[in-house]
Every structure is written in C-alpha cells, then in structure tokens.
PDB file of N, CA and C in Angstrom:
ATOM      1  N   MET A   1       5.806  19.155 -13.236  1.00  0.00           N
ATOM      2  CA  MET A   1       5.753  18.299 -12.390  1.00  0.00           C
ATOM      3  C   MET A   1       5.102  18.681 -11.175  1.00  0.00           C
ATOM      4  N   VAL A   2       3.954  17.888 -10.682  1.00  0.00           N
ATOM      5  CA  VAL A   2       3.323  18.031  -9.500  1.00  0.00           C
ATOM      6  C   VAL A   2       3.226  16.773  -8.722  1.00  0.00           C
ATOM      7  N   THR A   3       2.993  16.966  -7.452  1.00  0.00           N
ATOM      8  CA  THR A   3       2.999  15.845  -6.326  1.00  0.00           C
ATOM      9  C   THR A   3       1.739  15.365  -6.330  1.00  0.00           C
ATOM     10  N   VAL A   4       1.594  14.142  -5.771  1.00  0.00           N
ATOM     11  CA  VAL A   4       0.202  13.501  -5.603  1.00  0.00           C
ATOM     12  C   VAL A   4      -0.544  14.311  -4.442  1.00  0.00           C
ATOM     13  N   ARG A   5       0.332  14.554  -3.729  1.00  0.00           N
ATOM     14  CA  ARG A   5      -0.420  15.602  -2.582  1.00  0.00           C
ATOM     15  C   ARG A   5      -0.917  16.705  -3.107  1.00  0.00           C
ATOM     16  N   GLN A   6      -0.206  17.478  -4.067  1.00  0.00           N
ATOM     17  CA  GLN A   6      -0.978  18.650  -4.706  1.00  0.00           C
ATOM     18  C   GLN A   6      -2.140  18.357  -5.383  1.00  0.00           C
ATOM     19  N   ILE A   7      -2.142  17.254  -6.032  1.00  0.00           N
ATOM     20  CA  ILE A   7      -3.231  16.923  -7.007  1.00  0.00           C
ATOM     21  C   ILE A   7      -4.445  16.588  -6.039  1.00  0.00           C
ATOM     22  N   VAL A   8      -4.440  16.135  -4.893  1.00  0.00           N
ATOM     23  CA  VAL A   8      -5.268  15.663  -3.953  1.00  0.00           C
ATOM     24  C   VAL A   8      -5.831  17.054  -3.431  1.00  0.00           C
ATOM     25  N   GLN A   9      -5.170  17.946  -3.049  1.00  0.00           N
ATOM     26  CA  GLN A   9      -5.508  19.176  -2.182  1.00  0.00           C
ATOM     27  C   GLN A   9      -5.858  20.208  -2.944  1.00  0.00           C
ATOM     28  N   ARG A  10      -5.495  20.359  -4.323  1.00  0.00           N
ATOM     29  CA  ARG A  10      -5.709  21.727  -5.083  1.00  0.00           C
ATOM     30  C   ARG A  10      -6.685  21.632  -6.046  1.00  0.00           C
ATOM     31  N   ASP A  11      -7.981  22.431  -5.773  1.00  0.00           N
ATOM     32  CA  ASP A  11      -8.918  22.380  -6.766  1.00  0.00           C
ATOM     33  C   ASP A  11      -8.542  22.906  -8.061  1.00  0.00           C
ATOM     34  N   SER A  12      -7.564  23.791  -8.075  1.00  0.00           N
ATOM     35  CA  SER A  12      -7.240  24.619  -9.141  1.00  0.00           C
ATOM     36  C   SER A  12      -6.457  23.748 -10.211  1.00  0.00           C
ATOM     37  N   LEU A  13      -6.041  22.447  -9.867  1.00  0.00           N
ATOM     38  CA  LEU A  13      -5.456  21.811 -10.987  1.00  0.00           C
ATOM     39  C   LEU A  13      -6.345  21.002 -11.726  1.00  0.00           C
ATOM     40  N   VAL A  14      -7.716  20.618 -11.204  1.00  0.00           N
ATOM     41  CA  VAL A  14      -8.675  19.897 -11.853  1.00  0.00           C
ATOM     42  C   VAL A  14      -8.541  20.405 -13.306  1.00  0.00           C
ATOM     43  N   GLY A  15      -8.601  19.462 -14.218  1.00  0.00           N
ATOM     44  CA  GLY A  15      -8.708  19.740 -15.724  1.00  0.00           C
ATOM     45  C   GLY A  15      -7.278  19.976 -16.223  1.00  0.00           C
ATOM     46  N   ARG A  16      -6.236  19.980 -15.717  1.00  0.00           N
ATOM     47  CA  ARG A  16      -5.024  20.241 -16.271  1.00  0.00           C
ATOM     48  C   ARG A  16      -4.205  18.848 -16.608  1.00  0.00           C
ATOM     49  N   ARG A  17      -3.426  18.915 -17.406  1.00  0.00           N
ATOM     50  CA  ARG A  17      -2.571  17.833 -17.722  1.00  0.00           C
ATOM     51  C   ARG A  17      -1.251  18.030 -17.148  1.00  0.00           C
ATOM     52  N   VAL A  18      -0.747  17.173 -16.415  1.00  0.00           N
ATOM     53  CA  VAL A  18       0.436  17.166 -15.546  1.00  0.00           C
ATOM     54  C   VAL A  18       1.389  15.854 -15.709  1.00  0.00           C
ATOM     55  N   ARG A  19       2.464  16.090 -15.233  1.00  0.00           N
ATOM     56  CA  ARG A  19       3.586  15.037 -15.056  1.00  0.00           C
ATOM     57  C   ARG A  19       3.515  14.758 -13.444  1.00  0.00           C
ATOM     58  N   VAL A  20       3.290  13.545 -13.121  1.00  0.00           N
ATOM     59  CA  VAL A  20       3.351  13.150 -11.587  1.00  0.00           C
ATOM     60  C   VAL A  20       4.242  11.979 -11.201  1.00  0.00           C
ATOM     61  N   GLY A  21       4.741  11.841 -10.259  1.00  0.00           N
ATOM     62  CA  GLY A  21       5.735  10.871  -9.808  1.00  0.00           C
ATOM     63  C   GLY A  21       5.196  10.017  -8.646  1.00  0.00           C
ATOM     64  N   GLY A  22       5.585   8.703  -8.499  1.00  0.00           N
ATOM     65  CA  GLY A  22       5.172   7.857  -7.584  1.00  0.00           C
ATOM     66  C   GLY A  22       5.492   6.318  -7.684  1.00  0.00           C
ATOM     67  N   VAL A  23       4.808   5.671  -7.026  1.00  0.00           N
ATOM     68  CA  VAL A  23       4.971   4.108  -7.195  1.00  0.00           C
ATOM     69  C   VAL A  23       3.607   3.600  -7.352  1.00  0.00           C
ATOM     70  N   CYS A  24       3.638   2.543  -8.093  1.00  0.00           N
ATOM     71  CA  CYS A  24       2.321   1.841  -8.087  1.00  0.00           C
ATOM     72  C   CYS A  24       2.025   0.968  -6.627  1.00  0.00           C
ATOM     73  N   ALA A  25       0.821   1.332  -6.125  1.00  0.00           N
ATOM     74  CA  ALA A  25       0.460   0.613  -4.991  1.00  0.00           C
ATOM     75  C   ALA A  25      -0.570  -0.336  -5.150  1.00  0.00           C
ATOM     76  N   ILE A  26      -1.333  -0.437  -6.029  1.00  0.00           N
ATOM     77  CA  ILE A  26      -2.326  -1.471  -6.267  1.00  0.00           C
ATOM     78  C   ILE A  26      -2.721  -1.348  -7.835  1.00  0.00           C
ATOM     79  N   ALA A  27      -2.823  -2.584  -8.487  1.00  0.00           N
ATOM     80  CA  ALA A  27      -3.330  -2.568  -9.722  1.00  0.00           C
ATOM     81  C   ALA A  27      -4.634  -3.626  -9.799  1.00  0.00           C
ATOM     82  N   GLY A  28      -5.547  -3.201 -10.564  1.00  0.00           N
ATOM     83  CA  GLY A  28      -6.676  -3.977 -10.803  1.00  0.00           C
ATOM     84  C   GLY A  28      -6.407  -5.246 -11.545  1.00  0.00           C
ATOM     85  N   THR A  29      -7.480  -6.152 -11.695  1.00  0.00           N
ATOM     86  CA  THR A  29      -7.455  -7.326 -12.464  1.00  0.00           C
ATOM     87  C   THR A  29      -8.807  -7.610 -12.957  1.00  0.00           C
ATOM     88  N   GLY A  30      -8.634  -8.471 -13.834  1.00  0.00           N
ATOM     89  CA  GLY A  30      -9.979  -8.747 -14.510  1.00  0.00           C
ATOM     90  C   GLY A  30     -10.788  -7.518 -14.900  1.00  0.00           C
ATOM     91  N   PRO A  31     -12.284  -7.352 -14.504  1.00  0.00           N
ATOM     92  CA  PRO A  31     -12.930  -6.096 -15.042  1.00  0.00           C
ATOM     93  C   PRO A  31     -12.252  -4.835 -14.654  1.00  0.00           C
ATOM     94  N   SER A  32     -11.404  -4.900 -13.712  1.00  0.00           N
ATOM     95  CA  SER A  32     -10.704  -3.703 -13.203  1.00  0.00           C
ATOM     96  C   SER A  32      -9.516  -3.316 -13.880  1.00  0.00           C
ATOM     97  N   ALA A  33      -8.986  -4.123 -14.672  1.00  0.00           N
ATOM     98  CA  ALA A  33      -7.831  -3.962 -15.334  1.00  0.00           C
ATOM     99  C   ALA A  33      -7.750  -2.619 -16.036  1.00  0.00           C
ATOM    100  N   GLY A  34      -6.735  -1.818 -15.927  1.00  0.00           N
ATOM    101  CA  GLY A  34      -6.598  -0.419 -16.660  1.00  0.00           C
ATOM    102  C   GLY A  34      -6.949   0.598 -15.382  1.00  0.00           C
ATOM    103  N   VAL A  35      -7.210   0.077 -14.006  1.00  0.00           N
ATOM    104  CA  VAL A  35      -7.395   0.948 -12.962  1.00  0.00           C
ATOM    105  C   VAL A  35      -6.275   0.486 -11.917  1.00  0.00           C
ATOM    106  N   TRP A  36      -5.577   1.540 -11.461  1.00  0.00           N
ATOM    107  CA  TRP A  36      -4.678   1.259 -10.492  1.00  0.00           C
ATOM    108  C   TRP A  36      -4.176   2.530  -9.472  1.00  0.00           C
ATOM    109  N   VAL A  37      -3.367   2.615  -8.602  1.00  0.00           N
ATOM    110  CA  VAL A  37      -3.281   3.487  -7.565  1.00  0.00           C
ATOM    111  C   VAL A  37      -1.922   3.878  -7.538  1.00  0.00           C
ATOM    112  N   LEU A  38      -1.675   5.276  -7.594  1.00  0.00           N
ATOM    113  CA  LEU A  38      -0.108   5.949  -7.746  1.00  0.00           C
ATOM    114  C   LEU A  38      -0.151   6.612  -6.462  1.00  0.00           C
ATOM    115  N   GLN A  39       1.201   5.985  -5.542  1.00  0.00           N
ATOM    116  CA  GLN A  39       1.170   6.478  -4.327  1.00  0.00           C
ATOM    117  C   GLN A  39       2.553   7.145  -4.231  1.00  0.00           C
ATOM    118  N   ALA A  40       2.523   8.254  -3.350  1.00  0.00           N
ATOM    119  CA  ALA A  40       3.654   8.888  -3.016  1.00  0.00           C
ATOM    120  C   ALA A  40       3.639   9.163  -1.473  1.00  0.00           C
ATOM    121  N   GLY A  41       4.512   8.761  -0.640  1.00  0.00           N
ATOM    122  CA  GLY A  41       4.534   8.801   0.716  1.00  0.00           C
ATOM    123  C   GLY A  41       3.112   8.429   1.122  1.00  0.00           C
ATOM    124  N   PRO A  42       2.395   9.098   2.094  1.00  0.00           N
ATOM    125  CA  PRO A  42       1.077   8.810   2.600  1.00  0.00           C
ATOM    126  C   PRO A  42      -0.020   9.186   1.528  1.00  0.00           C
ATOM    127  N   TRP A  43       0.260   9.825   0.451  1.00  0.00           N
ATOM    128  CA  TRP A  43      -0.652  10.297  -0.469  1.00  0.00           C
ATOM    129  C   TRP A  43      -0.887   9.215  -1.575  1.00  0.00           C
ATOM    130  N   ALA A  44      -2.175   8.988  -1.862  1.00  0.00           N
ATOM    131  CA  ALA A  44      -2.549   8.124  -3.077  1.00  0.00           C
ATOM    132  C   ALA A  44      -3.600   8.729  -3.942  1.00  0.00           C
ATOM    133  N   ILE A  45      -3.653   8.243  -5.187  1.00  0.00           N
ATOM    134  CA  ILE A  45      -4.739   8.520  -6.001  1.00  0.00           C
ATOM    135  C   ILE A  45      -4.976   7.553  -7.209  1.00  0.00           C
ATOM    136  N   GLU A  46      -6.304   7.298  -7.475  1.00  0.00           N
ATOM    137  CA  GLU A  46      -6.506   6.396  -8.267  1.00  0.00           C
ATOM    138  C   GLU A  46      -6.121   6.893 -10.005  1.00  0.00           C
ATOM    139  N   VAL A  47      -5.749   6.067 -10.563  1.00  0.00           N
ATOM    140  CA  VAL A  47      -5.296   6.205 -12.053  1.00  0.00           C
ATOM    141  C   VAL A  47      -5.972   5.276 -12.940  1.00  0.00           C
ATOM    142  N   ARG A  48      -6.530   5.840 -13.999  1.00  0.00           N
ATOM    143  CA  ARG A  48      -7.383   4.950 -15.045  1.00  0.00           C
ATOM    144  C   ARG A  48      -6.600   5.069 -16.285  1.00  0.00           C
ATOM    145  N   GLY A  49      -6.189   3.978 -16.920  1.00  0.00           N
ATOM    146  CA  GLY A  49      -5.641   4.043 -18.112  1.00  0.00           C
ATOM    147  C   GLY A  49      -4.392   2.892 -18.141  1.00  0.00           C
ATOM    148  N   LEU A  50      -3.540   2.813 -18.883  1.00  0.00           N
ATOM    149  CA  LEU A  50      -2.305   2.058 -19.164  1.00  0.00           C
ATOM    150  C   LEU A  50      -1.668   1.876 -17.803  1.00  0.00           C
ATOM    151  N   VAL A  51      -1.588   0.518 -17.341  1.00  0.00           N
ATOM    152  CA  VAL A  51      -0.943  -0.009 -16.212  1.00  0.00           C
ATOM    153  C   VAL A  51       0.373  -0.280 -16.250  1.00  0.00           C
ATOM    154  N   PRO A  52       1.299   0.382 -15.650  1.00  0.00           N
ATOM    155  CA  PRO A  52       2.738   0.398 -15.925  1.00  0.00           C
ATOM    156  C   PRO A  52       3.170  -1.196 -15.665  1.00  0.00           C
ATOM    157  N   ARG A  53       4.127  -1.666 -16.160  1.00  0.00           N
ATOM    158  CA  ARG A  53       4.872  -3.126 -16.032  1.00  0.00           C
ATOM    159  C   ARG A  53       5.081  -3.130 -14.485  1.00  0.00           C
ATOM    160  N   SER A  54       5.516  -2.242 -13.872  1.00  0.00           N
ATOM    161  CA  SER A  54       5.921  -2.481 -12.298  1.00  0.00           C
ATOM    162  C   SER A  54       4.899  -2.690 -11.664  1.00  0.00           C
ATOM    163  N   CYS A  55       3.580  -2.597 -12.088  1.00  0.00           N
ATOM    164  CA  CYS A  55       2.409  -2.741 -11.156  1.00  0.00           C
ATOM    165  C   CYS A  55       2.339  -4.241 -11.378  1.00  0.00           C
ATOM    166  N   LEU A  56       2.624  -4.982 -12.207  1.00  0.00           N
ATOM    167  CA  LEU A  56       2.441  -6.302 -12.533  1.00  0.00           C
ATOM    168  C   LEU A  56       3.792  -7.232 -11.953  1.00  0.00           C
ATOM    169  N   GLN A  57       4.759  -6.493 -11.345  1.00  0.00           N
ATOM    170  CA  GLN A  57       5.807  -7.257 -10.954  1.00  0.00           C
ATOM    171  C   GLN A  57       5.778  -7.453  -9.398  1.00  0.00           C
ATOM    172  N   GLU A  58       6.481  -8.406  -8.919  1.00  0.00           N
ATOM    173  CA  GLU A  58       6.774  -8.490  -7.410  1.00  0.00           C
ATOM    174  C   GLU A  58       7.937  -7.955  -7.230  1.00  0.00           C
ATOM    175  N   PRO A  59       8.313  -7.068  -6.010  1.00  0.00           N
ATOM    176  CA  PRO A  59       7.231  -6.660  -5.221  1.00  0.00           C
ATOM    177  C   PRO A  59       6.689  -5.463  -5.840  1.00  0.00           C
ATOM    178  N   ILE A  60       5.342  -4.972  -5.850  1.00  0.00           N
ATOM    179  CA  ILE A  60       4.612  -3.938  -6.194  1.00  0.00           C
ATOM    180  C   ILE A  60       5.084  -2.619  -5.614  1.00  0.00           C
ATOM    181  N   GLY A  61       5.485  -1.621  -6.227  1.00  0.00           N
ATOM    182  CA  GLY A  61       5.840  -0.370  -5.341  1.00  0.00           C
ATOM    183  C   GLY A  61       7.417  -0.226  -5.317  1.00  0.00           C
ATOM    184  N   ALA A  62       8.044  -1.378  -5.893  1.00  0.00           N
ATOM    185  CA  ALA A  62       9.598  -1.068  -5.839  1.00  0.00           C
ATOM    186  C   ALA A  62      10.253  -0.307  -7.058  1.00  0.00           C
ATOM    187  N   GLU A  63       9.458   0.083  -8.034  1.00  0.00           N
ATOM    188  CA  GLU A  63      10.115   0.841  -9.068  1.00  0.00           C
ATOM    189  C   GLU A  63       9.300   2.339  -8.921  1.00  0.00           C
ATOM    190  N   ALA A  64      10.065   3.381  -8.993  1.00  0.00           N
ATOM    191  CA  ALA A  64       9.680   4.772  -9.083  1.00  0.00           C
ATOM    192  C   ALA A  64       9.211   4.881 -10.420  1.00  0.00           C
ATOM    193  N   LEU A  65       8.107   5.762 -10.805  1.00  0.00           N
ATOM    194  CA  LEU A  65       7.818   6.240 -12.077  1.00  0.00           C
ATOM    195  C   LEU A  65       7.169   7.409 -12.238  1.00  0.00           C
ATOM    196  N   THR A  66       7.156   7.922 -13.502  1.00  0.00           N
ATOM    197  CA  THR A  66       6.745   9.225 -13.775  1.00  0.00           C
ATOM    198  C   THR A  66       5.461   9.178 -14.895  1.00  0.00           C
ATOM    199  N   ILE A  67       4.395   9.614 -14.758  1.00  0.00           N
ATOM    200  CA  ILE A  67       3.257   9.555 -15.747  1.00  0.00           C
ATOM    201  C   ILE A  67       2.879  10.979 -16.168  1.00  0.00           C
ATOM    202  N   PHE A  68       2.205  10.860 -17.187  1.00  0.00           N
ATOM    203  CA  PHE A  68       1.600  12.134 -17.926  1.00  0.00           C
ATOM    204  C   PHE A  68       0.303  11.851 -17.934  1.00  0.00           C
ATOM    205  N   ALA A  69      -0.610  12.651 -17.153  1.00  0.00           N
ATOM    206  CA  ALA A  69      -2.079  12.479 -16.795  1.00  0.00           C
ATOM    207  C   ALA A  69      -2.845  13.746 -16.843  1.00  0.00           C
ATOM    208  N   GLN A  70      -4.171  13.527 -17.091  1.00  0.00           N
ATOM    209  CA  GLN A  70      -5.061  14.611 -16.899  1.00  0.00           C
ATOM    210  C   GLN A  70      -5.657  14.288 -15.523  1.00  0.00           C
ATOM    211  N   ILE A  71      -5.994  15.483 -14.807  1.00  0.00           N
ATOM    212  CA  ILE A  71      -6.709  15.392 -13.342  1.00  0.00           C
ATOM    213  C   ILE A  71      -8.172  15.829 -13.721  1.00  0.00           C
ATOM    214  N   VAL A  72      -9.095  14.948 -13.282  1.00  0.00           N
ATOM    215  CA  VAL A  72     -10.524  15.177 -13.320  1.00  0.00           C
ATOM    216  C   VAL A  72     -10.890  14.889 -11.894  1.00  0.00           C
ATOM    217  N   GLU A  73     -12.263  15.284 -11.780  1.00  0.00           N
ATOM    218  CA  GLU A  73     -13.167  14.915 -10.567  1.00  0.00           C
ATOM    219  C   GLU A  73     -13.680  13.710 -10.754  1.00  0.00           C
ATOM    220  N   GLY A  74     -13.728  13.048  -9.507  1.00  0.00           N
ATOM    221  CA  GLY A  74     -14.389  11.601  -9.352  1.00  0.00           C
ATOM    222  C   GLY A  74     -15.871  11.666  -9.067  1.00  0.00           C
ATOM    223  N   THR A  75     -16.356  10.986  -8.528  1.00  0.00           N
ATOM    224  CA  THR A  75     -17.831  10.945  -8.131  1.00  0.00           C
ATOM    225  C   THR A  75     -18.419  12.072  -7.381  1.00  0.00           C
ATOM    226  N   ASP A  76     -17.622  12.512  -6.635  1.00  0.00           N
ATOM    227  CA  ASP A  76     -17.938  13.674  -5.903  1.00  0.00           C
ATOM    228  C   ASP A  76     -16.875  14.873  -5.929  1.00  0.00           C
ATOM    229  N   SER A  77     -17.266  16.102  -5.565  1.00  0.00           N
ATOM    230  CA  SER A  77     -16.334  17.218  -5.902  1.00  0.00           C
ATOM    231  C   SER A  77     -15.075  17.209  -5.182  1.00  0.00           C
ATOM    232  N   THR A  78     -15.122  16.369  -4.166  1.00  0.00           N
ATOM    233  CA  THR A  78     -13.792  16.322  -3.541  1.00  0.00           C
ATOM    234  C   THR A  78     -12.673  15.295  -3.928  1.00  0.00           C
ATOM    235  N   GLU A  79     -13.382  14.436  -4.662  1.00  0.00           N
ATOM    236  CA  GLU A  79     -12.415  13.237  -5.140  1.00  0.00           C
ATOM    237  C   GLU A  79     -11.687  13.655  -6.268  1.00  0.00           C
ATOM    238  N   ARG A  80     -10.474  13.220  -6.446  1.00  0.00           N
ATOM    239  CA  ARG A  80      -9.731  13.477  -7.870  1.00  0.00           C
ATOM    240  C   ARG A  80      -9.329  12.163  -8.191  1.00  0.00           C
ATOM    241  N   LEU A  81      -9.022  12.076  -9.766  1.00  0.00           N
ATOM    242  CA  LEU A  81      -8.714  10.864 -10.301  1.00  0.00           C
ATOM    243  C   LEU A  81      -7.816  11.390 -11.485  1.00  0.00           C
ATOM    244  N   LEU A  82      -6.871  10.405 -11.889  1.00  0.00           N
ATOM    245  CA  LEU A  82      -5.999  10.679 -13.036  1.00  0.00           C
ATOM    246  C   LEU A  82      -6.233   9.882 -14.105  1.00  0.00           C
ATOM    247  N   LEU A  83      -6.486  10.361 -15.443  1.00  0.00           N
ATOM    248  CA  LEU A  83      -6.520   9.746 -16.519  1.00  0.00           C
ATOM    249  C   LEU A  83      -5.215   9.711 -17.442  1.00  0.00           C
ATOM    250  N   ARG A  84      -4.716   8.656 -17.346  1.00  0.00           N
ATOM    251  CA  ARG A  84      -3.200   8.548 -17.848  1.00  0.00           C
ATOM    252  C   ARG A  84      -3.322   8.702 -19.409  1.00  0.00           C
ATOM    253  N   LEU A  85      -2.352   9.489 -19.798  1.00  0.00           N
ATOM    254  CA  LEU A  85      -2.128  10.024 -21.282  1.00  0.00           C
ATOM    255  C   LEU A  85      -0.919   9.333 -21.684  1.00  0.00           C
ATOM    256  N   PRO A  86      -0.903   9.260 -23.039  1.00  0.00           N
ATOM    257  CA  PRO A  86       0.267   8.770 -23.693  1.00  0.00           C
ATOM    258  C   PRO A  86       1.423   9.580 -23.320  1.00  0.00           C
ATOM    259  N   ASP A  87       2.792   9.110 -23.111  1.00  0.00           N
ATOM    260  CA  ASP A  87       3.952   9.905 -22.731  1.00  0.00           C
ATOM    261  C   ASP A  87       4.507  10.387 -24.033  1.00  0.00           C
TER     262      ASP A  87
END
C-alpha cells in the first residue's frame, strides 16, 4: 500500500502496480466518464478506469476507498496517472 503523496513524489514507483487509498474528489461525465481524481489530504492524482460508486453519490468524497492501480507517466515526465486495475 502506498500513499498518493508517494506516487506523486517518487519516480521509482512509475510502472508499478500498487494499492492506494483516498477519497473521490472529482468524477468526469459525458466523454470524460472513466476519468476521476483520487485525493488524500492535500495530494491528488488523476485516475483512469472504473469510477467508484462513491464518486457518483452526494456528497462526493464522503467515503474512503482503496484501489488497485498501475502508476504511469502523464503527458510530461513529472506528471503521474493511475490506471485502475480490477481488484
């Protein structure tokens, strides 16, 4: 289990499959469905893949969750994204 902060700050985690916890902060709709943000304290990261039910309920961010995901580089080498994997 790693933290969102560790994912954002550690280059050594890119490419690894991890469990990470947080809350849903934002969920995409329409063409952005399947894109959402996992937040833990002041740290946040974009997630692509299955959107948890808690992202679709009010209030958003009320339910803690843990996901299994692969860490990948975003559009530049400093950005990180999570690709959600089946639990």
